Each structure stands twice: as structure tokens, then as C-alpha cells.
C-alpha atoms as a PDB file:
ATOM      1  CA  MET A   1      -9.343   8.912   6.200  1.00  0.00           C
ATOM      2  CA  PHE A   2     -10.145   5.553   7.594  1.00  0.00           C
ATOM      3  CA  GLN A   3     -10.325   3.131  10.524  1.00  0.00           C
ATOM      4  CA  CYS A   4      -7.249   0.929  10.759  1.00  0.00           C
ATOM      5  CA  GLY A   5      -7.747  -1.740  13.408  1.00  0.00           C
ATOM      6  CA  ARG A   6      -6.540  -0.391  16.690  1.00  0.00           C
ATOM      7  CA  PHE A   7      -5.716   2.986  15.096  1.00  0.00           C
ATOM      8  CA  ASP A   8      -8.399   5.533  14.263  1.00  0.00           C
ATOM      9  CA  PHE A   9      -7.261   7.655  11.346  1.00  0.00           C
ATOM     10  CA  THR A  10     -10.720   8.863  10.549  1.00  0.00           C
ATOM     11  CA  SER A  11     -10.121  12.371  11.769  1.00  0.00           C
ATOM     12  CA  ARG A  12      -6.465  12.590  10.560  1.00  0.00           C
ATOM     13  CA  GLN A  13      -5.728  15.538   8.249  1.00  0.00           C
ATOM     14  CA  ARG A  14      -2.044  14.971   7.365  1.00  0.00           C
ATOM     15  CA  PRO A  15      -1.246  12.279   4.815  1.00  0.00           C
ATOM     16  CA  LEU A  16       0.008   9.024   6.323  1.00  0.00           C
ATOM     17  CA  VAL A  17       3.391   7.400   5.523  1.00  0.00           C
ATOM     18  CA  MET A  18       3.388   3.568   5.207  1.00  0.00           C
ATOM     19  CA  GLY A  19       6.868   2.073   5.536  1.00  0.00           C
ATOM     20  CA  ILE A  20       7.616  -1.066   3.455  1.00  0.00           C
ATOM     21  CA  LEU A  21       8.956  -4.074   5.429  1.00  0.00           C
ATOM     22  CA  ASN A  22       9.666  -6.959   2.987  1.00  0.00           C
ATOM     23  CA  VAL A  23      10.527 -10.205   4.888  1.00  0.00           C
ATOM     24  CA  THR A  24      11.429 -11.874   1.590  1.00  0.00           C
ATOM     25  CA  PRO A  25      14.614 -12.964  -0.041  1.00  0.00           C
ATOM     26  CA  ASP A  26      13.680 -11.681  -3.547  1.00  0.00           C
ATOM     27  CA  SER A  27      11.790  -8.294  -3.458  1.00  0.00           C
ATOM     28  CA  PHE A  28      12.927  -5.997  -6.225  1.00  0.00           C
ATOM     29  CA  SER A  29      14.628  -3.350  -4.095  1.00  0.00           C
ATOM     30  CA  ASP A  30      15.369  -4.736  -0.653  1.00  0.00           C
ATOM     31  CA  GLY A  31      15.041  -8.450  -0.924  1.00  0.00           C
ATOM     32  CA  GLY A  32      17.091 -10.316   1.677  1.00  0.00           C
ATOM     33  CA  GLN A  33      17.761  -7.247   3.841  1.00  0.00           C
ATOM     34  CA  HIS A  34      15.044  -7.855   6.493  1.00  0.00           C
ATOM     35  CA  ASP A  35      14.151 -11.584   6.156  1.00  0.00           C
ATOM     36  CA  THR A  36      15.142 -12.574   9.706  1.00  0.00           C
ATOM     37  CA  LEU A  37      13.081 -11.644  12.745  1.00  0.00           C
ATOM     38  CA  ASP A  38      15.778  -9.542  14.320  1.00  0.00           C
ATOM     39  CA  ALA A  39      16.435  -7.672  11.092  1.00  0.00           C
ATOM     40  CA  ALA A  40      12.698  -7.064  10.568  1.00  0.00           C
ATOM     41  CA  ARG A  41      12.238  -5.829  14.091  1.00  0.00           C
ATOM     42  CA  ARG A  42      15.229  -3.403  13.774  1.00  0.00           C
ATOM     43  CA  ARG A  43      13.996  -2.025  10.462  1.00  0.00           C
ATOM     44  CA  ALA A  44      10.461  -1.587  11.832  1.00  0.00           C
ATOM     45  CA  ASP A  45      11.731   0.192  14.895  1.00  0.00           C
ATOM     46  CA  GLN A  46      13.867   2.510  12.653  1.00  0.00           C
ATOM     47  CA  MET A  47      10.856   3.414  10.457  1.00  0.00           C
ATOM     48  CA  VAL A  48       8.565   4.118  13.416  1.00  0.00           C
ATOM     49  CA  ALA A  49      11.327   6.424  14.843  1.00  0.00           C
ATOM     50  CA  GLU A  50      11.556   8.145  11.424  1.00  0.00           C
ATOM     51  CA  GLY A  51       7.761   8.815  11.482  1.00  0.00           C
ATOM     52  CA  ALA A  52       6.031   5.883   9.804  1.00  0.00           C
ATOM     53  CA  ASP A  53       2.287   5.654  10.700  1.00  0.00           C
ATOM     54  CA  ILE A  54       1.877   2.173   9.208  1.00  0.00           C
ATOM     55  CA  ILE A  55       4.304  -0.742   8.690  1.00  0.00           C
ATOM     56  CA  ASP A  56       3.424  -2.853   5.616  1.00  0.00           C
ATOM     57  CA  ILE A  57       4.707  -6.435   6.094  1.00  0.00           C
ATOM     58  CA  GLY A  58       5.133  -8.457   2.924  1.00  0.00           C
ATOM     59  CA  GLY A  59       5.996 -12.176   2.820  1.00  0.00           C
ATOM     60  CA  GLU A  60       5.804 -12.755  -0.912  1.00  0.00           C
ATOM     61  CA  SER A  61       7.424 -10.637  -3.561  1.00  0.00           C
ATOM     62  CA  THR A  62       5.013  -9.284  -6.143  1.00  0.00           C
ATOM     63  CA  ARG A  63       7.635  -7.745  -8.501  1.00  0.00           C
ATOM     64  CA  PRO A  64       6.895  -8.491 -12.199  1.00  0.00           C
ATOM     65  CA  GLY A  65       7.703 -12.089 -13.070  1.00  0.00           C
ATOM     66  CA  SER A  66       7.729 -13.225  -9.383  1.00  0.00           C
ATOM     67  CA  PRO A  67       6.536 -16.841  -8.679  1.00  0.00           C
ATOM     68  CA  ARG A  68       3.972 -17.562  -6.048  1.00  0.00           C
ATOM     69  CA  VAL A  69       4.982 -18.525  -2.582  1.00  0.00           C
ATOM     70  CA  PRO A  70       3.389 -21.526  -0.838  1.00  0.00           C
ATOM     71  CA  LEU A  71       0.913 -20.783   1.920  1.00  0.00           C
ATOM     72  CA  GLN A  72       2.869 -22.221   4.802  1.00  0.00           C
ATOM     73  CA  GLN A  73       6.071 -20.457   3.723  1.00  0.00           C
ATOM     74  CA  GLU A  74       4.283 -17.113   3.719  1.00  0.00           C
ATOM     75  CA  LEU A  75       2.772 -17.788   7.181  1.00  0.00           C
ATOM     76  CA  ASP A  76       6.185 -18.742   8.502  1.00  0.00           C
ATOM     77  CA  ARG A  77       7.536 -15.408   7.256  1.00  0.00           C
ATOM     78  CA  VAL A  78       4.890 -12.976   8.366  1.00  0.00           C
ATOM     79  CA  LEU A  79       3.227 -14.347  11.539  1.00  0.00           C
ATOM     80  CA  PRO A  80       6.339 -14.030  13.820  1.00  0.00           C
ATOM     81  CA  VAL A  81       6.905 -10.513  12.514  1.00  0.00           C
ATOM     82  CA  VAL A  82       3.318  -9.364  13.204  1.00  0.00           C
ATOM     83  CA  GLU A  83       3.487 -10.862  16.645  1.00  0.00           C
ATOM     84  CA  ALA A  84       6.827  -9.205  17.379  1.00  0.00           C
ATOM     85  CA  LEU A  85       5.657  -5.839  16.210  1.00  0.00           C
ATOM     86  CA  ARG A  86       2.209  -5.565  17.785  1.00  0.00           C
ATOM     87  CA  ASP A  87       3.410  -2.925  20.265  1.00  0.00           C
ATOM     88  CA  CYS A  88       5.833  -1.044  17.953  1.00  0.00           C
ATOM     89  CA  GLY A  89       3.782   2.146  17.923  1.00  0.00           C
ATOM     90  CA  ALA A  90       2.567   1.912  14.352  1.00  0.00           C
ATOM     91  CA  ALA A  91      -0.355   0.230  12.681  1.00  0.00           C
ATOM     92  CA  LEU A  92       0.473  -3.152  11.125  1.00  0.00           C
ATOM     93  CA  SER A  93      -0.468  -3.918   7.566  1.00  0.00           C
ATOM     94  CA  VAL A  94       0.091  -7.223   5.892  1.00  0.00           C
ATOM     95  CA  ASP A  95       0.499  -7.411   2.162  1.00  0.00           C
ATOM     96  CA  THR A  96      -1.269 -10.573   1.068  1.00  0.00           C
ATOM     97  CA  TYR A  97      -3.898 -11.967  -1.199  1.00  0.00           C
ATOM     98  CA  LYS A  98      -4.269 -15.320   0.476  1.00  0.00           C
ATOM     99  CA  PRO A  99      -7.509 -15.697   2.612  1.00  0.00           C
ATOM    100  CA  ASP A 100      -5.790 -18.075   5.041  1.00  0.00           C
ATOM    101  CA  VAL A 101      -2.962 -15.596   5.566  1.00  0.00           C
ATOM    102  CA  MET A 102      -5.470 -12.859   6.124  1.00  0.00           C
ATOM    103  CA  ARG A 103      -7.367 -14.759   8.755  1.00  0.00           C
ATOM    104  CA  ALA A 104      -4.123 -15.765  10.582  1.00  0.00           C
ATOM    105  CA  VAL A 105      -2.583 -12.293  10.684  1.00  0.00           C
ATOM    106  CA  LEU A 106      -5.881 -10.723  11.730  1.00  0.00           C
ATOM    107  CA  ARG A 107      -6.027 -13.124  14.596  1.00  0.00           C
ATOM    108  CA  THR A 108      -2.450 -12.272  15.508  1.00  0.00           C
ATOM    109  CA  GLY A 109      -2.974  -8.510  15.633  1.00  0.00           C
ATOM    110  CA  ALA A 110      -2.734  -7.015  12.119  1.00  0.00           C
ATOM    111  CA  ASP A 111      -4.537  -3.772  11.716  1.00  0.00           C
ATOM    112  CA  MET A 112      -4.787  -3.794   7.897  1.00  0.00           C
ATOM    113  CA  ILE A 113      -4.897  -6.093   4.888  1.00  0.00           C
ATOM    114  CA  ASN A 114      -3.253  -4.824   1.743  1.00  0.00           C
ATOM    115  CA  ASP A 115      -4.347  -7.034  -1.172  1.00  0.00           C
ATOM    116  CA  ILE A 116      -2.902  -6.627  -4.653  1.00  0.00           C
ATOM    117  CA  TRP A 117      -5.765  -8.776  -6.034  1.00  0.00           C
ATOM    118  CA  GLY A 118      -8.341  -6.401  -4.564  1.00  0.00           C
ATOM    119  CA  PHE A 119     -10.048  -9.279  -2.561  1.00  0.00           C
ATOM    120  CA  ARG A 120     -10.880 -11.230  -5.701  1.00  0.00           C
ATOM    121  CA  GLN A 121      -9.364 -14.500  -4.658  1.00  0.00           C
ATOM    122  CA  PRO A 122     -11.995 -17.085  -3.597  1.00  0.00           C
ATOM    123  CA  GLY A 123     -12.737 -16.621   0.091  1.00  0.00           C
ATOM    124  CA  ALA A 124     -10.938 -13.248   0.416  1.00  0.00           C
ATOM    125  CA  VAL A 125     -14.065 -11.236   0.969  1.00  0.00           C
ATOM    126  CA  GLU A 126     -15.355 -13.687   3.550  1.00  0.00           C
ATOM    127  CA  ALA A 127     -12.012 -13.678   5.369  1.00  0.00           C
ATOM    128  CA  VAL A 128     -12.134  -9.827   5.904  1.00  0.00           C
ATOM    129  CA  ALA A 129     -15.884  -9.324   6.283  1.00  0.00           C
ATOM    130  CA  GLY A 130     -16.417 -11.621   9.204  1.00  0.00           C
ATOM    131  CA  PRO A 131     -16.339 -10.736  12.948  1.00  0.00           C
ATOM    132  CA  GLU A 132     -12.719 -11.852  13.422  1.00  0.00           C
ATOM    133  CA  ALA A 133     -11.595  -9.096  11.113  1.00  0.00           C
ATOM    134  CA  GLY A 134     -12.874  -6.507  13.557  1.00  0.00           C
ATOM    135  CA  ARG A 135     -12.259  -3.003  12.195  1.00  0.00           C
ATOM    136  CA  ALA A 136      -9.163  -3.825  10.237  1.00  0.00           C
ATOM    137  CA  ALA A 137      -8.646  -1.570   7.205  1.00  0.00           C
ATOM    138  CA  LEU A 138      -8.779  -3.149   3.735  1.00  0.00           C
ATOM    139  CA  CYS A 139      -6.746  -1.744   0.852  1.00  0.00           C
ATOM    140  CA  VAL A 140      -8.212  -2.714  -2.540  1.00  0.00           C
ATOM    141  CA  MET A 141      -5.662  -2.547  -5.276  1.00  0.00           C
ATOM    142  CA  HIS A 142      -6.102  -2.662  -9.052  1.00  0.00           C
ATOM    143  CA  MET A 143      -3.979  -5.146 -11.006  1.00  0.00           C
ATOM    144  CA  GLN A 144      -4.307  -6.202 -14.635  1.00  0.00           C
ATOM    145  CA  GLY A 145      -3.146  -9.801 -14.957  1.00  0.00           C
ATOM    146  CA  ASP A 146      -0.970 -11.338 -12.200  1.00  0.00           C
ATOM    147  CA  PRO A 147       2.593 -10.713 -11.057  1.00  0.00           C
ATOM    148  CA  GLU A 148       4.019 -13.357 -13.312  1.00  0.00           C
ATOM    149  CA  THR A 149       2.599 -11.945 -16.554  1.00  0.00           C
ATOM    150  CA  MET A 150       1.226  -8.427 -15.770  1.00  0.00           C
ATOM    151  CA  GLN A 151       3.967  -6.480 -17.525  1.00  0.00           C
ATOM    152  CA  LYS A 152       4.138  -8.534 -20.765  1.00  0.00           C
ATOM    153  CA  ASP A 153       1.696  -6.338 -22.767  1.00  0.00           C
ATOM    154  CA  PRO A 154      -0.696  -4.278 -20.529  1.00  0.00           C
ATOM    155  CA  HIS A 155      -3.460  -2.619 -22.569  1.00  0.00           C
ATOM    156  CA  TYR A 156      -6.326  -0.276 -21.725  1.00  0.00           C
ATOM    157  CA  ASP A 157      -8.727   1.777 -23.793  1.00  0.00           C
ATOM    158  CA  ASP A 158      -9.027   4.239 -20.834  1.00  0.00           C
ATOM    159  CA  VAL A 159      -6.723   3.404 -18.023  1.00  0.00           C
ATOM    160  CA  VAL A 160      -8.118   6.002 -15.546  1.00  0.00           C
ATOM    161  CA  GLY A 161     -11.731   5.052 -16.256  1.00  0.00           C
ATOM    162  CA  GLU A 162     -11.068   1.273 -16.111  1.00  0.00           C
ATOM    163  CA  VAL A 163      -9.154   1.513 -12.822  1.00  0.00           C
ATOM    164  CA  HIS A 164     -11.987   3.689 -11.329  1.00  0.00           C
ATOM    165  CA  ASP A 165     -14.657   1.193 -12.481  1.00  0.00           C
ATOM    166  CA  PHE A 166     -12.729  -1.770 -11.011  1.00  0.00           C
ATOM    167  CA  LEU A 167     -12.273  -0.078  -7.664  1.00  0.00           C
ATOM    168  CA  GLN A 168     -15.987   0.959  -7.586  1.00  0.00           C
ATOM    169  CA  ALA A 169     -17.101  -2.618  -8.215  1.00  0.00           C
ATOM    170  CA  GLN A 170     -14.882  -3.970  -5.453  1.00  0.00           C
ATOM    171  CA  VAL A 171     -16.082  -1.347  -2.998  1.00  0.00           C
ATOM    172  CA  GLU A 172     -19.640  -2.450  -3.780  1.00  0.00           C
ATOM    173  CA  THR A 173     -18.724  -6.057  -3.236  1.00  0.00           C
ATOM    174  CA  LEU A 174     -17.143  -5.420   0.088  1.00  0.00           C
ATOM    175  CA  GLN A 175     -19.935  -3.258   1.334  1.00  0.00           C
ATOM    176  CA  ALA A 176     -22.593  -5.738   0.260  1.00  0.00           C
ATOM    177  CA  ALA A 177     -20.675  -8.286   2.372  1.00  0.00           C
ATOM    178  CA  GLY A 178     -20.988  -5.998   5.460  1.00  0.00           C
ATOM    179  CA  VAL A 179     -17.672  -4.144   5.401  1.00  0.00           C
ATOM    180  CA  GLU A 180     -17.979  -0.659   6.801  1.00  0.00           C
ATOM    181  CA  ARG A 181     -17.144   2.169   4.372  1.00  0.00           C
ATOM    182  CA  ALA A 182     -14.654   3.658   6.950  1.00  0.00           C
ATOM    183  CA  ARG A 183     -12.511   0.541   6.664  1.00  0.00           C
ATOM    184  CA  ILE A 184     -11.910   0.805   2.881  1.00  0.00           C
ATOM    185  CA  VAL A 185      -8.819   2.166   1.193  1.00  0.00           C
ATOM    186  CA  LEU A 186      -8.147   2.276  -2.579  1.00  0.00           C
ATOM    187  CA  ASP A 187      -4.945   1.846  -4.553  1.00  0.00           C
ATOM    188  CA  PRO A 188      -4.668   2.406  -8.333  1.00  0.00           C
ATOM    189  CA  GLY A 189      -1.905  -0.214  -8.518  1.00  0.00           C
ATOM    190  CA  PHE A 190       1.070   1.692  -9.978  1.00  0.00           C
ATOM    191  CA  GLY A 191       3.289  -0.760 -11.888  1.00  0.00           C
ATOM    192  CA  PHE A 192       0.833  -3.691 -11.691  1.00  0.00           C
ATOM    193  CA  GLY A 193      -0.148  -4.338 -15.233  1.00  0.00           C
ATOM    194  CA  LYS A 194       0.629  -0.786 -16.460  1.00  0.00           C
ATOM    195  CA  THR A 195       3.158   0.736 -18.883  1.00  0.00           C
ATOM    196  CA  SER A 196       5.050   3.900 -17.820  1.00  0.00           C
ATOM    197  CA  ALA A 197       2.524   5.990 -19.832  1.00  0.00           C
ATOM    198  CA  HIS A 198      -0.347   4.339 -17.866  1.00  0.00           C
ATOM    199  CA  ASN A 199       1.276   5.091 -14.573  1.00  0.00           C
ATOM    200  CA  LEU A 200       1.906   8.781 -15.403  1.00  0.00           C
ATOM    201  CA  ALA A 201      -1.679   9.126 -16.580  1.00  0.00           C
ATOM    202  CA  LEU A 202      -2.878   7.658 -13.364  1.00  0.00           C
ATOM    203  CA  LEU A 203      -0.736   9.946 -11.220  1.00  0.00           C
ATOM    204  CA  ASN A 204      -1.698  13.018 -13.255  1.00  0.00           C
ATOM    205  CA  ARG A 205      -5.443  12.295 -12.816  1.00  0.00           C
ATOM    206  CA  LEU A 206      -5.260  10.588  -9.368  1.00  0.00           C
ATOM    207  CA  PRO A 207      -8.583  11.796  -7.965  1.00  0.00           C
ATOM    208  CA  ALA A 208     -10.409  10.425 -10.957  1.00  0.00           C
ATOM    209  CA  CYS A 209      -8.889   6.908 -10.469  1.00  0.00           C
ATOM    210  CA  ALA A 210     -11.151   6.004  -7.506  1.00  0.00           C
ATOM    211  CA  PRO A 211     -14.697   6.691  -6.328  1.00  0.00           C
ATOM    212  CA  ALA A 212     -15.118   9.906  -4.489  1.00  0.00           C
ATOM    213  CA  GLY A 213     -14.984   9.881  -0.720  1.00  0.00           C
ATOM    214  CA  TYR A 214     -12.557   7.001  -0.233  1.00  0.00           C
ATOM    215  CA  PRO A 215      -8.833   7.503   0.802  1.00  0.00           C
ATOM    216  CA  ILE A 216      -6.320   6.697  -1.875  1.00  0.00           C
ATOM    217  CA  LEU A 217      -3.124   4.878  -1.152  1.00  0.00           C
ATOM    218  CA  VAL A 218      -0.219   5.107  -3.702  1.00  0.00           C
ATOM    219  CA  GLY A 219       2.818   2.967  -3.956  1.00  0.00           C
ATOM    220  CA  MET A 220       5.469   4.199  -6.358  1.00  0.00           C
ATOM    221  CA  SER A 221       8.614   4.079  -4.286  1.00  0.00           C
ATOM    222  CA  ARG A 222      11.724   3.079  -6.352  1.00  0.00           C
ATOM    223  CA  LYS A 223       9.525   1.481  -9.047  1.00  0.00           C
ATOM    224  CA  SER A 224      10.549   1.185 -12.684  1.00  0.00           C
ATOM    225  CA  MET A 225       8.079   3.921 -13.757  1.00  0.00           C
ATOM    226  CA  LEU A 226      10.517   6.333 -11.980  1.00  0.00           C
ATOM    227  CA  GLY A 227      13.491   4.623 -13.594  1.00  0.00           C
ATOM    228  CA  ALA A 228      11.879   5.236 -17.005  1.00  0.00           C
ATOM    229  CA  VAL A 229      11.805   8.930 -16.298  1.00  0.00           C
ATOM    230  CA  THR A 230      15.133   9.373 -14.520  1.00  0.00           C
ATOM    231  CA  GLY A 231      17.258   6.657 -16.126  1.00  0.00           C
ATOM    232  CA  ARG A 232      18.281   5.400 -12.650  1.00  0.00           C
ATOM    233  CA  ASP A 233      18.215   1.975 -11.171  1.00  0.00           C
ATOM    234  CA  ALA A 234      16.211   1.091  -8.068  1.00  0.00           C
ATOM    235  CA  ALA A 235      19.065   2.139  -5.649  1.00  0.00           C
ATOM    236  CA  GLY A 236      19.202   5.647  -7.252  1.00  0.00           C
ATOM    237  CA  ARG A 237      15.465   6.487  -7.265  1.00  0.00           C
ATOM    238  CA  LEU A 238      15.196   8.302  -3.934  1.00  0.00           C
ATOM    239  CA  HIS A 239      14.599  11.765  -5.484  1.00  0.00           C
ATOM    240  CA  GLY A 240      12.229  10.433  -8.041  1.00  0.00           C
ATOM    241  CA  SER A 241      10.262   8.605  -5.296  1.00  0.00           C
ATOM    242  CA  LEU A 242       9.976  11.794  -3.196  1.00  0.00           C
ATOM    243  CA  ALA A 243       8.789  13.757  -6.232  1.00  0.00           C
ATOM    244  CA  ALA A 244       6.135  11.121  -6.892  1.00  0.00           C
ATOM    245  CA  ALA A 245       4.998  10.950  -3.271  1.00  0.00           C
ATOM    246  CA  LEU A 246       4.704  14.737  -3.137  1.00  0.00           C
ATOM    247  CA  ILE A 247       2.790  14.908  -6.401  1.00  0.00           C
ATOM    248  CA  ALA A 248       0.417  12.189  -5.255  1.00  0.00           C
ATOM    249  CA  VAL A 249      -0.258  13.968  -1.921  1.00  0.00           C
ATOM    250  CA  GLU A 250      -0.832  17.252  -3.671  1.00  0.00           C
ATOM    251  CA  ARG A 251      -3.411  15.488  -5.882  1.00  0.00           C
ATOM    252  CA  GLY A 252      -5.136  14.035  -2.839  1.00  0.00           C
ATOM    253  CA  ALA A 253      -3.425  10.878  -1.777  1.00  0.00           C
ATOM    254  CA  ALA A 254      -4.106   9.951   1.881  1.00  0.00           C
ATOM    255  CA  VAL A 255      -1.347   7.331   2.213  1.00  0.00           C
ATOM    256  CA  VAL A 256       2.072   6.959   0.505  1.00  0.00           C
ATOM    257  CA  ARG A 257       3.746   3.563   0.680  1.00  0.00           C
ATOM    258  CA  VAL A 258       7.530   4.027   0.697  1.00  0.00           C
ATOM    259  CA  HIS A 259      10.940   2.489   1.335  1.00  0.00           C
ATOM    260  CA  ASP A 260      12.630   5.781   2.403  1.00  0.00           C
ATOM    261  CA  VAL A 261      10.530   6.859   5.445  1.00  0.00           C
ATOM    262  CA  ALA A 262      12.607   9.604   6.920  1.00  0.00           C
ATOM    263  CA  ALA A 263      13.051  11.537   3.664  1.00  0.00           C
ATOM    264  CA  THR A 264       9.370  11.201   2.775  1.00  0.00           C
ATOM    265  CA  VAL A 265       8.223  12.374   6.175  1.00  0.00           C
ATOM    266  CA  ASP A 266      10.411  15.504   5.928  1.00  0.00           C
ATOM    267  CA  VAL A 267       9.140  16.328   2.418  1.00  0.00           C
ATOM    268  CA  LEU A 268       5.482  15.839   3.418  1.00  0.00           C
ATOM    269  CA  ARG A 269       5.917  17.822   6.652  1.00  0.00           C
ATOM    270  CA  VAL A 270       7.218  20.833   4.715  1.00  0.00           C
ATOM    271  CA  SER A 271       4.453  20.546   2.169  1.00  0.00           C
ATOM    272  CA  TRP A 272       1.866  20.188   4.915  1.00  0.00           C
ATOM    273  CA  ALA A 273       3.264  23.252   6.804  1.00  0.00           C
ATOM    274  CA  VAL A 274       2.868  25.359   3.612  1.00  0.00           C
ATOM    275  CA  ARG A 275      -0.638  24.157   3.031  1.00  0.00           C
ATOM    276  CA  GLN A 276      -1.602  25.072   6.629  1.00  0.00           C
ATOM    277  CA  GLU A 277      -0.096  28.502   6.221  1.00  0.00           C
ATOM    278  CA  ASN A 278      -2.105  28.991   3.040  1.00  0.00           C
ATOM    279  CA  ALA A 279      -5.218  27.982   4.815  1.00  0.00           C
ATOM    280  CA  LYS A 280      -4.609  30.716   7.477  1.00  0.00           C
ATOM    281  CA  ALA A 281      -3.775  33.364   5.036  1.00  0.00           C
ATOM    282  CA  ASP A 282      -6.447  36.006   4.263  1.00  0.00           C
ATOM    283  CA  TYR A 283      -6.138  36.962   0.643  1.00  0.00           C
END
């Protein structure tokens, strides 16, 4: 596990649930539902009550084909939410790739930066490696291309090996800049420049996607990879999302990033109870 700002998850055994809080008008599944401060606060409180360990706040949609949001607009969306939720009872993550947003939310009280670009944007490593970042967790995600073009024709010779090598290289970059190992979390980037076949291969071989010894975060909730299997639209993908989260945890995922917190928490609690019982059994 890992250090997450004010929250020490380093000795945590159970998998963590990260609840998605998009304060955007155009996210693929819940755009426009929580894009006012009162609505965001209500949704965050609900997810904490349902068992969320982390709230992931996003001020820019990264769905396939989405345009970039100007810096000031993203700041205006996320900063008031971070400030309002500092004492909500869960760790606060901000989903951003902009170094200026990273610095601003860390000063405001964010516990984690979740970067789809894997801290490759100019100035991103410096923004999270300096003293003002404290012990904030850093989630390094793999993405081929960018959100506007990533799903046009993704190609890999070896998707698992290439994702692993990218994450390894970014871990080395962060550690060379002085970032503690305990702050780093890795995400294979399901749906970010991958076909459905790529996504299934990554899920099937999840431990091989990342360097050993680092916690893995997965985000498959309601995504099109599940629609390709079930034939359902985003609103009908709850059961597929639960299955994907459970499979990921059984393959070693430490954090699952989800829209449906209560249902996911229940599934993982049952799974964890069975695992604990197996650990006690003397066969």
C-alpha cells in the first residue's frame, strides 16, 4: 500500500475504493450531475457514507475525443471542491495532468494527484517532487496518445510488456527526482489508447503490467470495454463494473476507481471475508 497525504495506507490490507467525483459538464457517464459545489459536496458525502476511502475529483473530462479545458476553468472547478471536502473523512485525489493545477490543489489540501499523462507534461515531476507536495500520493497512469486521438487506432506489439516498461520508466524518473517509493501508485490505463482486446489482456495479466512491489490502481467502471462484452450502454454496466473490480482485486489490485461505491464496497467486503477465512483455515 502507500502513503496518501494525510492518510497512511501503508499498512492497509483490504483493497481501497476510490469514488469518482466528476465536476464537469461532459464526462462520459455522469457529466453535469455534480458540477455545482453543493451537488459535489452531497455526492462526496454520500460516497464516504457508502465506504469510499478516497474521493477522486476531476475538473476535465478525459473521455475519448474530449477537448482540453483551459487552466483557469479547471482551477475554478476543482479548487472550491477540494477546499469544501478537506474534512469529509476520505482522502482527496485530484485527476489532473496540469502542473499548475497540481501545485494549487496540493496547497489547498489534496492528498493525491492522479495523472493520466503519468507526470510527462513539462513541469509535472517538479510540481509533485518539491517540498510543497508533502507526502501526497502520485498515481502514474499509462496512456497511448492523448484523449482526443487515443482510440483512433491503438497498436502494441506486446501491450502488457509495453505498459510495464512505461510504468517502470516513470517510477525511475519520479524516484530520481526525490519522490519516496511509498508515495507511488501505478495504473495500467484501461481504455486510454487500448482496444477491448488490449484491456482484457491487461486485466488478465494485471500483476505483470507494473513493476513488482508497487500498488496497482484500476479504473474500469462503466467503460466501453465492459460494454463490448455485455452489449450494454454506460448506464447499464453496473454488474460488469462489479465483475471487473472483483477480478482486478483477485489479481492483486490495491485500489479500484468506481462510480458505484456502495455496490463495489459490498462485493469487496464479501470477497475479503472469504479470503480472511481461507487464511485462517488449516488444510
